[in-house]
Amino acid sequence: MARGRLPATLGLTCLVALGAAGAGLAATPKGGGTYTGQDSHEVKLVLKVSGNRKTGKADLFCSGSHQSATPTFAITHGSFYAVRKTGSTKLFSIKGRFISSTQAKVTASLKAVCAGGNHALTLDLAP
């Protein structure tokens, strides 16, 4: 390797590694914002963020009908997880992260509501 090329190659490698790590970081949601999204199976999620951006609540709809809501959950570093149970029966859970202040990616795992299964949703900030 030619002189001076090792530092340049090492610097480029570090820059690529930092960029890849940064791509996985979650964003901060808009305080007081409402985010909505629906998939092709008519599973809809409405997520409301508190004014201080530290907590949220979500409502689940199937084919236009309200099914259930999560208890208040924490939003930490732009990521969140919530589960809705009746007794010991898990109805559904959501896990996601804000990829920008206007959008979140969520997986809704439906156990005892709607058609069941895992549903990938993109939630957009409502105007």
Protein backbone atom coordinates (compact mmCIF):
# COMPACT_ATOMS: atom_id res chain seq x y z
CA MET A 1 0.00 0.00 0.00
CA ALA A 2 1.33 3.43 -0.89
CA ARG A 3 2.33 5.85 1.85
CA GLY A 4 -0.52 8.03 3.02
CA ARG A 5 -3.21 5.67 1.75
CA LEU A 6 -3.68 3.81 5.05
CA PRO A 7 -4.90 6.88 6.99
CA ALA A 8 -7.26 7.83 4.15
CA THR A 9 -8.65 4.28 3.94
CA LEU A 10 -9.02 4.07 7.72
CA GLY A 11 -10.78 7.45 7.79
CA LEU A 12 -13.23 6.38 5.10
CA THR A 13 -13.94 3.12 6.94
CA CYS A 14 -14.69 5.03 10.15
CA LEU A 15 -16.96 7.45 8.28
CA VAL A 16 -18.95 4.58 6.72
CA ALA A 17 -19.26 2.84 10.11
CA LEU A 18 -20.53 6.03 11.76
CA GLY A 19 -23.03 6.60 8.96
CA ALA A 20 -24.39 3.06 9.33
CA ALA A 21 -24.73 3.48 13.08
CA GLY A 22 -26.50 6.83 12.65
CA ALA A 23 -29.01 5.31 10.22
CA GLY A 24 -30.36 3.10 13.03
CA LEU A 25 -31.00 5.97 15.44
CA ALA A 26 -34.57 6.95 16.13
CA ALA A 27 -35.87 10.51 15.81
CA THR A 28 -37.80 12.67 18.27
CA PRO A 29 -41.57 12.78 17.67
CA LYS A 30 -43.58 16.00 17.53
CA GLY A 31 -44.95 16.87 20.96
CA GLY A 32 -48.75 16.68 20.94
CA GLY A 33 -48.68 15.07 17.49
CA THR A 34 -51.06 12.42 16.17
CA TYR A 35 -49.63 9.81 13.79
CA THR A 36 -51.85 7.54 11.68
CA GLY A 37 -51.28 4.63 9.33
CA GLN A 38 -53.19 1.76 7.75
CA ASP A 39 -52.13 -1.37 5.89
CA SER A 40 -53.81 -3.22 3.02
CA HIS A 41 -55.69 -5.48 5.51
CA GLU A 42 -57.49 -2.40 6.91
CA VAL A 43 -55.55 -2.52 10.18
CA LYS A 44 -55.22 1.11 11.28
CA LEU A 45 -53.23 2.55 14.16
CA VAL A 46 -53.60 6.06 15.60
CA LEU A 47 -50.74 7.04 17.91
CA LYS A 48 -50.95 10.18 20.04
CA VAL A 49 -47.76 11.63 21.51
CA SER A 50 -47.85 13.65 24.74
CA GLY A 51 -46.83 17.30 24.71
CA ASN A 52 -43.52 16.50 26.43
CA ARG A 53 -42.78 13.70 23.87
CA LYS A 54 -42.06 11.16 26.62
CA THR A 55 -45.26 9.08 26.43
CA GLY A 56 -47.88 7.98 23.96
CA LYS A 57 -51.15 6.08 23.55
CA ALA A 58 -52.38 4.13 20.56
CA ASP A 59 -55.81 3.14 19.27
CA LEU A 60 -56.27 0.10 17.05
CA PHE A 61 -58.94 -0.07 14.34
CA CYS A 62 -59.90 -3.02 12.12
CA SER A 63 -62.04 -2.41 9.03
CA GLY A 64 -62.96 1.01 10.40
CA SER A 65 -64.10 -0.23 13.84
CA HIS A 66 -62.28 0.71 17.04
CA GLN A 67 -60.99 -2.48 18.65
CA SER A 68 -58.85 -1.47 21.58
CA ALA A 69 -56.35 1.02 22.96
CA THR A 70 -52.98 0.64 24.63
CA PRO A 71 -52.28 1.92 28.10
CA THR A 72 -49.93 4.92 28.15
CA PHE A 73 -46.42 3.84 27.14
CA ALA A 74 -42.96 5.39 27.32
CA ILE A 75 -41.18 6.85 24.30
CA THR A 76 -37.44 6.50 24.91
CA HIS A 77 -34.89 7.79 22.41
CA GLY A 78 -37.67 7.77 19.78
CA SER A 79 -38.59 4.09 20.31
CA PHE A 80 -41.63 2.57 21.99
CA TYR A 81 -43.34 -0.69 22.92
CA ALA A 82 -46.83 -1.27 24.31
CA VAL A 83 -49.04 -4.25 24.97
CA ARG A 84 -52.80 -4.44 25.54
CA LYS A 85 -54.03 -7.34 27.68
CA THR A 86 -57.33 -8.48 29.08
CA GLY A 87 -56.45 -10.44 32.19
CA SER A 88 -53.56 -12.64 31.09
CA THR A 89 -54.67 -12.69 27.43
CA LYS A 90 -52.56 -10.55 25.12
CA LEU A 91 -54.85 -8.78 22.64
CA PHE A 92 -52.16 -6.94 20.68
CA SER A 93 -48.82 -5.23 20.98
CA ILE A 94 -47.00 -2.52 19.08
CA LYS A 95 -43.30 -1.94 18.70
CA GLY A 96 -41.80 0.89 16.73
CA ARG A 97 -39.60 3.92 16.35
CA PHE A 98 -39.84 7.38 14.93
CA ILE A 99 -37.70 7.63 11.80
CA SER A 100 -38.32 11.38 11.57
CA SER A 101 -40.42 13.95 13.42
CA THR A 102 -43.21 13.26 10.91
CA GLN A 103 -43.06 9.47 10.49
CA ALA A 104 -42.86 6.26 12.54
CA LYS A 105 -42.38 2.60 11.56
CA VAL A 106 -44.46 0.19 13.65
CA THR A 107 -45.10 -3.54 13.85
CA ALA A 108 -48.52 -4.37 15.29
CA SER A 109 -48.73 -7.97 16.56
CA LEU A 110 -52.39 -8.89 16.71
CA LYS A 111 -53.15 -11.91 18.90
CA ALA A 112 -56.82 -11.81 19.85
CA VAL A 113 -58.18 -8.99 17.69
CA CYS A 114 -58.82 -8.43 13.98
CA ALA A 115 -57.41 -11.09 11.67
CA GLY A 116 -54.33 -11.69 13.81
CA GLY A 117 -50.73 -11.76 12.64
CA ASN A 118 -48.00 -9.16 12.39
CA HIS A 119 -48.70 -5.97 10.47
CA ALA A 120 -46.00 -3.52 9.37
CA LEU A 121 -47.33 0.03 9.37
CA THR A 122 -45.90 3.41 8.48
CA LEU A 123 -47.49 6.15 10.56
CA ASP A 124 -47.52 9.73 9.27
CA LEU A 125 -48.03 12.89 11.29
CA ALA A 126 -51.57 14.09 10.79
CA PRO A 127 -51.97 17.73 9.68
